[in-house]
Each structure stands twice: as structure tokens, then as C-alpha cells.
């Protein structure tokens, strides 16, 4: 019986204290009012609110590490290689109608007439994304087989990809 009285008394005291706090808090709140607006005005208000929002710091808050850089480069090189392939395929189909030839013989003749420095530069520019995407693809296949998934293994394979990419890029650039 005494325990019930103490519980009831303490519950009443807590309720009175929370009521005092809540009424004191109401004095600090700003009043809320609504205004009827048209759809265009509401959209304009929304645009102003969105322009005041901070940009997400998703890239700027992290220290650039090899894993983040290689992930981005793998995506970028994949898109670049795919885009180059489609551009060449479309030009191979469309340019003959305009009087230009884009077959292998005309491309080889045009490339053969360039100075050696330009040839090496063009081959390096073409070989670098291919090499990086190629070796990083093998890295992903290695991960798919559940190997090298530790932090140390991911870093190690990242540096291996960079080394193999550099060697194969130079080999492709100076070959032939």
C-alpha cells in the first residue's frame, strides 16, 4: 500500500513538473502561421529553400585513398571506353554516306603519317584507360571469388593494379 502511494505521489509530481516545463517552453517557440499560395508560388518557395541547402559533402569529407580513386577511375574509364566504341561504330556506319572513309586501311594510313611523338602520345592516351579498366576488372573478379577482401588485400591489389596499368600502358604505347 505504501509503495502504491509513493508511486502515485511521484507520478503526480512528475506530471506537474513536466507541465511547468512545457508551458515555459511554449514562450520560447515562434508562432506558426499558414498562408495560402498558388502552385507556382509554392514551387518558387521550394526552389528558394533548396538553393539555401548546403551541398552534400560526400566527397569532400573523406581523405582521397587509393580505393576511392580506383573505384571512380574504373567507372570513368568504363564509360569512356564504351563511349569511344559507340562513337567509332557510329562513325563507321554514318561517315561513308558523307564521303569519308573510316575503315582500317584509311585509319592506319592517317596514323602512319603522324610524327613519332604524336603516335606515342595518342597510343598512351588510348592505352591508359584500357589498361586501368582491364586490370581493375581482374581485381573485381578476384574480389568476386572472395579473395583479397581484407583492408590490407584491397590496398595491395590497388597498388598492383596501378603498377600493372603503368607497365602495360607503356608497353602498348611503345609497341610497333
C-alpha atoms as a PDB file:
ATOM      1  CA  UNK A   1       0.000   0.000   0.000  1.00  0.00           C
ATOM      2  CA  UNK A   2       2.812   2.397   0.870  1.00  0.00           C
ATOM      3  CA  UNK A   3       4.571   1.581  -2.389  1.00  0.00           C
ATOM      4  CA  UNK A   4       1.432   2.433  -4.368  1.00  0.00           C
ATOM      5  CA  UNK A   5       1.081   5.794  -2.568  1.00  0.00           C
ATOM      6  CA  UNK A   6       4.716   6.657  -3.215  1.00  0.00           C
ATOM      7  CA  UNK A   7       4.348   5.709  -6.883  1.00  0.00           C
ATOM      8  CA  UNK A   8       1.174   7.794  -7.278  1.00  0.00           C
ATOM      9  CA  UNK A   9       2.727  10.773  -5.486  1.00  0.00           C
ATOM     10  CA  UNK A  10       5.877  10.672  -7.569  1.00  0.00           C
ATOM     11  CA  UNK A  11       3.834  10.303 -10.785  1.00  0.00           C
ATOM     12  CA  UNK A  12       1.764  13.392  -9.882  1.00  0.00           C
ATOM     13  CA  UNK A  13       4.918  15.361  -9.076  1.00  0.00           C
ATOM     14  CA  UNK A  14       6.499  14.370 -12.387  1.00  0.00           C
ATOM     15  CA  UNK A  15       3.357  15.370 -14.258  1.00  0.00           C
ATOM     16  CA  UNK A  16       3.279  18.789 -12.565  1.00  0.00           C
ATOM     17  CA  UNK A  17       6.989  19.343 -13.341  1.00  0.00           C
ATOM     18  CA  UNK A  18       6.600  18.379 -16.984  1.00  0.00           C
ATOM     19  CA  UNK A  19       3.574  20.696 -17.285  1.00  0.00           C
ATOM     20  CA  UNK A  20       5.618  23.575 -15.896  1.00  0.00           C
ATOM     21  CA  UNK A  21       8.475  22.827 -18.300  1.00  0.00           C
ATOM     22  CA  UNK A  22       6.195  22.548 -21.310  1.00  0.00           C
ATOM     23  CA  UNK A  23       4.425  25.849 -20.601  1.00  0.00           C
ATOM     24  CA  UNK A  24       7.774  27.563 -20.062  1.00  0.00           C
ATOM     25  CA  UNK A  25       8.969  26.127 -23.332  1.00  0.00           C
ATOM     26  CA  UNK A  26       5.938  27.478 -25.202  1.00  0.00           C
ATOM     27  CA  UNK A  27       7.124  31.008 -24.558  1.00  0.00           C
ATOM     28  CA  UNK A  28      10.355  30.280 -26.482  1.00  0.00           C
ATOM     29  CA  UNK A  29       8.627  28.954 -29.612  1.00  0.00           C
ATOM     30  CA  UNK A  30       7.915  31.189 -32.530  1.00  0.00           C
ATOM     31  CA  UNK A  31       4.331  31.379 -33.705  1.00  0.00           C
ATOM     32  CA  UNK A  32       3.370  29.397 -36.768  1.00  0.00           C
ATOM     33  CA  UNK A  33       1.100  30.824 -39.410  1.00  0.00           C
ATOM     34  CA  UNK A  34      -0.049  29.496 -42.739  1.00  0.00           C
ATOM     35  CA  UNK A  35      -0.572  31.394 -45.935  1.00  0.00           C
ATOM     36  CA  UNK A  36      -2.482  30.116 -48.899  1.00  0.00           C
ATOM     37  CA  UNK A  37      -0.353  30.090 -52.029  1.00  0.00           C
ATOM     38  CA  UNK A  38      -0.740  29.064 -55.607  1.00  0.00           C
ATOM     39  CA  UNK A  39       1.151  26.107 -57.017  1.00  0.00           C
ATOM     40  CA  UNK A  40       3.591  28.410 -58.814  1.00  0.00           C
ATOM     41  CA  UNK A  41       4.317  30.366 -55.613  1.00  0.00           C
ATOM     42  CA  UNK A  42       4.792  27.153 -53.645  1.00  0.00           C
ATOM     43  CA  UNK A  43       7.237  25.902 -56.272  1.00  0.00           C
ATOM     44  CA  UNK A  44       9.149  29.181 -56.096  1.00  0.00           C
ATOM     45  CA  UNK A  45       9.360  28.928 -52.284  1.00  0.00           C
ATOM     46  CA  UNK A  46      10.592  25.356 -52.608  1.00  0.00           C
ATOM     47  CA  UNK A  47      13.276  26.415 -55.099  1.00  0.00           C
ATOM     48  CA  UNK A  48      14.495  29.136 -52.707  1.00  0.00           C
ATOM     49  CA  UNK A  49      14.628  26.663 -49.828  1.00  0.00           C
ATOM     50  CA  UNK A  50      16.557  24.152 -51.916  1.00  0.00           C
ATOM     51  CA  UNK A  51      19.070  26.781 -53.048  1.00  0.00           C
ATOM     52  CA  UNK A  52      19.850  27.566 -49.391  1.00  0.00           C
ATOM     53  CA  UNK A  53      20.609  23.953 -48.545  1.00  0.00           C
ATOM     54  CA  UNK A  54      24.259  23.002 -48.218  1.00  0.00           C
ATOM     55  CA  UNK A  55      25.733  20.745 -50.855  1.00  0.00           C
ATOM     56  CA  UNK A  56      26.328  17.246 -49.616  1.00  0.00           C
ATOM     57  CA  UNK A  57      29.965  16.879 -48.580  1.00  0.00           C
ATOM     58  CA  UNK A  58      30.085  13.256 -49.654  1.00  0.00           C
ATOM     59  CA  UNK A  59      33.441  13.587 -51.425  1.00  0.00           C
ATOM     60  CA  UNK A  60      34.992  16.482 -49.601  1.00  0.00           C
ATOM     61  CA  UNK A  61      34.853  14.991 -46.098  1.00  0.00           C
ATOM     62  CA  UNK A  62      36.889  11.914 -46.981  1.00  0.00           C
ATOM     63  CA  UNK A  63      40.626  11.715 -47.470  1.00  0.00           C
ATOM     64  CA  UNK A  64      41.207  10.509 -51.053  1.00  0.00           C
ATOM     65  CA  UNK A  65      42.548   6.980 -50.827  1.00  0.00           C
ATOM     66  CA  UNK A  66      43.541   4.503 -53.488  1.00  0.00           C
ATOM     67  CA  UNK A  67      40.321   2.522 -53.075  1.00  0.00           C
ATOM     68  CA  UNK A  68      38.129   5.578 -53.678  1.00  0.00           C
ATOM     69  CA  UNK A  69      40.233   6.827 -56.587  1.00  0.00           C
ATOM     70  CA  UNK A  70      40.385   3.460 -58.348  1.00  0.00           C
ATOM     71  CA  UNK A  71      36.646   2.973 -57.938  1.00  0.00           C
ATOM     72  CA  UNK A  72      35.953   6.308 -59.608  1.00  0.00           C
ATOM     73  CA  UNK A  73      38.544   5.736 -62.329  1.00  0.00           C
ATOM     74  CA  UNK A  74      37.125   2.280 -63.072  1.00  0.00           C
ATOM     75  CA  UNK A  75      33.704   3.804 -63.712  1.00  0.00           C
ATOM     76  CA  UNK A  76      35.076   6.725 -65.705  1.00  0.00           C
ATOM     77  CA  UNK A  77      37.289   4.535 -67.902  1.00  0.00           C
ATOM     78  CA  UNK A  78      34.415   2.111 -68.483  1.00  0.00           C
ATOM     79  CA  UNK A  79      32.177   4.933 -69.684  1.00  0.00           C
ATOM     80  CA  UNK A  80      34.978   6.453 -71.786  1.00  0.00           C
ATOM     81  CA  UNK A  81      35.848   3.146 -73.470  1.00  0.00           C
ATOM     82  CA  UNK A  82      32.192   2.348 -74.117  1.00  0.00           C
ATOM     83  CA  UNK A  83      31.591   5.849 -75.483  1.00  0.00           C
ATOM     84  CA  UNK A  84      34.647   5.618 -77.747  1.00  0.00           C
ATOM     85  CA  UNK A  85      33.475   2.250 -79.051  1.00  0.00           C
ATOM     86  CA  UNK A  86      29.983   3.562 -79.856  1.00  0.00           C
ATOM     87  CA  UNK A  87      31.395   6.729 -81.429  1.00  0.00           C
ATOM     88  CA  UNK A  88      33.673   4.689 -83.678  1.00  0.00           C
ATOM     89  CA  UNK A  89      30.855   2.294 -84.590  1.00  0.00           C
ATOM     90  CA  UNK A  90      28.519   5.158 -85.474  1.00  0.00           C
ATOM     91  CA  UNK A  91      31.192   6.940 -87.494  1.00  0.00           C
ATOM     92  CA  UNK A  92      31.983   3.694 -89.315  1.00  0.00           C
ATOM     93  CA  UNK A  93      28.337   3.451 -90.351  1.00  0.00           C
ATOM     94  CA  UNK A  94      27.450   7.128 -90.896  1.00  0.00           C
ATOM     95  CA  UNK A  95      30.548   8.826 -92.320  1.00  0.00           C
ATOM     96  CA  UNK A  96      30.743   6.884 -95.604  1.00  0.00           C
ATOM     97  CA  UNK A  97      27.390   8.465 -96.515  1.00  0.00           C
ATOM     98  CA  UNK A  98      29.102  11.852 -96.186  1.00  0.00           C
ATOM     99  CA  UNK A  99      32.075  10.820 -98.304  1.00  0.00           C
ATOM    100  CA  UNK A 100      34.559   9.976 -95.544  1.00  0.00           C
ATOM    101  CA  UNK A 101      36.105   6.569 -95.088  1.00  0.00           C
ATOM    102  CA  UNK A 102      36.720   5.186 -91.635  1.00  0.00           C
ATOM    103  CA  UNK A 103      37.914   1.710 -92.486  1.00  0.00           C
ATOM    104  CA  UNK A 104      41.063   0.151 -91.027  1.00  0.00           C
ATOM    105  CA  UNK A 105      43.231   0.939 -94.060  1.00  0.00           C
ATOM    106  CA  UNK A 106      42.441   4.670 -94.066  1.00  0.00           C
ATOM    107  CA  UNK A 107      42.884   4.869 -90.283  1.00  0.00           C
ATOM    108  CA  UNK A 108      46.276   3.089 -90.499  1.00  0.00           C
ATOM    109  CA  UNK A 109      47.399   5.385 -93.319  1.00  0.00           C
ATOM    110  CA  UNK A 110      46.375   8.512 -91.394  1.00  0.00           C
ATOM    111  CA  UNK A 111      48.036   7.264 -88.207  1.00  0.00           C
ATOM    112  CA  UNK A 112      51.199   6.240 -90.096  1.00  0.00           C
ATOM    113  CA  UNK A 113      51.649   9.750 -91.468  1.00  0.00           C
ATOM    114  CA  UNK A 114      51.908  11.274 -87.972  1.00  0.00           C
ATOM    115  CA  UNK A 115      55.258  12.085 -86.326  1.00  0.00           C
ATOM    116  CA  UNK A 116      56.559   9.541 -83.812  1.00  0.00           C
ATOM    117  CA  UNK A 117      55.900  11.754 -80.758  1.00  0.00           C
ATOM    118  CA  UNK A 118      52.233  12.134 -81.733  1.00  0.00           C
ATOM    119  CA  UNK A 119      51.892   8.401 -82.331  1.00  0.00           C
ATOM    120  CA  UNK A 120      53.251   7.593 -78.877  1.00  0.00           C
ATOM    121  CA  UNK A 121      51.068  10.271 -77.263  1.00  0.00           C
ATOM    122  CA  UNK A 122      47.913   9.003 -78.991  1.00  0.00           C
ATOM    123  CA  UNK A 123      48.697   5.393 -78.137  1.00  0.00           C
ATOM    124  CA  UNK A 124      49.381   6.332 -74.499  1.00  0.00           C
ATOM    125  CA  UNK A 125      46.095   8.225 -74.255  1.00  0.00           C
ATOM    126  CA  UNK A 126      44.249   5.269 -75.757  1.00  0.00           C
ATOM    127  CA  UNK A 127      46.115   2.588 -73.779  1.00  0.00           C
ATOM    128  CA  UNK A 128      45.910   4.151 -70.289  1.00  0.00           C
ATOM    129  CA  UNK A 129      42.142   3.867 -69.745  1.00  0.00           C
ATOM    130  CA  UNK A 130      42.071   0.444 -71.399  1.00  0.00           C
ATOM    131  CA  UNK A 131      44.893  -0.864 -69.199  1.00  0.00           C
ATOM    132  CA  UNK A 132      43.462   0.532 -65.986  1.00  0.00           C
ATOM    133  CA  UNK A 133      39.970  -0.801 -66.701  1.00  0.00           C
ATOM    134  CA  UNK A 134      41.357  -4.165 -67.783  1.00  0.00           C
ATOM    135  CA  UNK A 135      43.478  -4.761 -64.668  1.00  0.00           C
ATOM    136  CA  UNK A 136      40.900  -3.306 -62.310  1.00  0.00           C
ATOM    137  CA  UNK A 137      38.367  -5.684 -63.879  1.00  0.00           C
ATOM    138  CA  UNK A 138      40.615  -8.580 -62.888  1.00  0.00           C
ATOM    139  CA  UNK A 139      40.763  -7.102 -59.405  1.00  0.00           C
ATOM    140  CA  UNK A 140      36.969  -7.170 -59.235  1.00  0.00           C
ATOM    141  CA  UNK A 141      36.928 -10.765 -60.475  1.00  0.00           C
ATOM    142  CA  UNK A 142      39.372 -11.614 -57.700  1.00  0.00           C
ATOM    143  CA  UNK A 143      37.027  -9.994 -55.195  1.00  0.00           C
ATOM    144  CA  UNK A 144      34.068 -11.914 -56.653  1.00  0.00           C
ATOM    145  CA  UNK A 145      35.889 -15.124 -55.792  1.00  0.00           C
ATOM    146  CA  UNK A 146      36.069 -13.814 -52.167  1.00  0.00           C
ATOM    147  CA  UNK A 147      39.837 -13.325 -52.208  1.00  0.00           C
ATOM    148  CA  UNK A 148      41.764 -10.261 -51.012  1.00  0.00           C
ATOM    149  CA  UNK A 149      38.731  -8.740 -49.283  1.00  0.00           C
ATOM    150  CA  UNK A 150      40.661  -7.585 -46.235  1.00  0.00           C
ATOM    151  CA  UNK A 151      41.707  -3.956 -45.924  1.00  0.00           C
ATOM    152  CA  UNK A 152      45.325  -4.950 -46.488  1.00  0.00           C
ATOM    153  CA  UNK A 153      44.375  -7.074 -49.511  1.00  0.00           C
ATOM    154  CA  UNK A 154      42.285  -4.308 -51.074  1.00  0.00           C
ATOM    155  CA  UNK A 155      45.157  -1.848 -50.741  1.00  0.00           C
ATOM    156  CA  UNK A 156      47.660  -4.398 -52.054  1.00  0.00           C
ATOM    157  CA  UNK A 157      45.560  -5.185 -55.117  1.00  0.00           C
ATOM    158  CA  UNK A 158      45.069  -1.458 -55.707  1.00  0.00           C
ATOM    159  CA  UNK A 159      48.796  -0.880 -55.940  1.00  0.00           C
ATOM    160  CA  UNK A 160      49.195  -3.981 -58.101  1.00  0.00           C
ATOM    161  CA  UNK A 161      46.546  -2.596 -60.483  1.00  0.00           C
ATOM    162  CA  UNK A 162      48.371   0.735 -60.679  1.00  0.00           C
ATOM    163  CA  UNK A 163      51.709  -0.960 -61.364  1.00  0.00           C
ATOM    164  CA  UNK A 164      50.345  -3.339 -63.997  1.00  0.00           C
ATOM    165  CA  UNK A 165      48.425  -0.488 -65.621  1.00  0.00           C
ATOM    166  CA  UNK A 166      51.553   1.652 -65.871  1.00  0.00           C
ATOM    167  CA  UNK A 167      53.661  -1.191 -67.299  1.00  0.00           C
ATOM    168  CA  UNK A 168      51.023  -2.288 -69.825  1.00  0.00           C
ATOM    169  CA  UNK A 169      50.309   1.304 -70.860  1.00  0.00           C
ATOM    170  CA  UNK A 170      53.981   1.915 -71.614  1.00  0.00           C
ATOM    171  CA  UNK A 171      54.273  -1.436 -73.382  1.00  0.00           C
ATOM    172  CA  UNK A 172      51.259  -0.673 -75.573  1.00  0.00           C
ATOM    173  CA  UNK A 173      52.425   2.888 -76.239  1.00  0.00           C
ATOM    174  CA  UNK A 174      55.924   1.965 -77.465  1.00  0.00           C
ATOM    175  CA  UNK A 175      54.955  -1.285 -79.222  1.00  0.00           C
ATOM    176  CA  UNK A 176      55.052  -1.261 -83.010  1.00  0.00           C
END
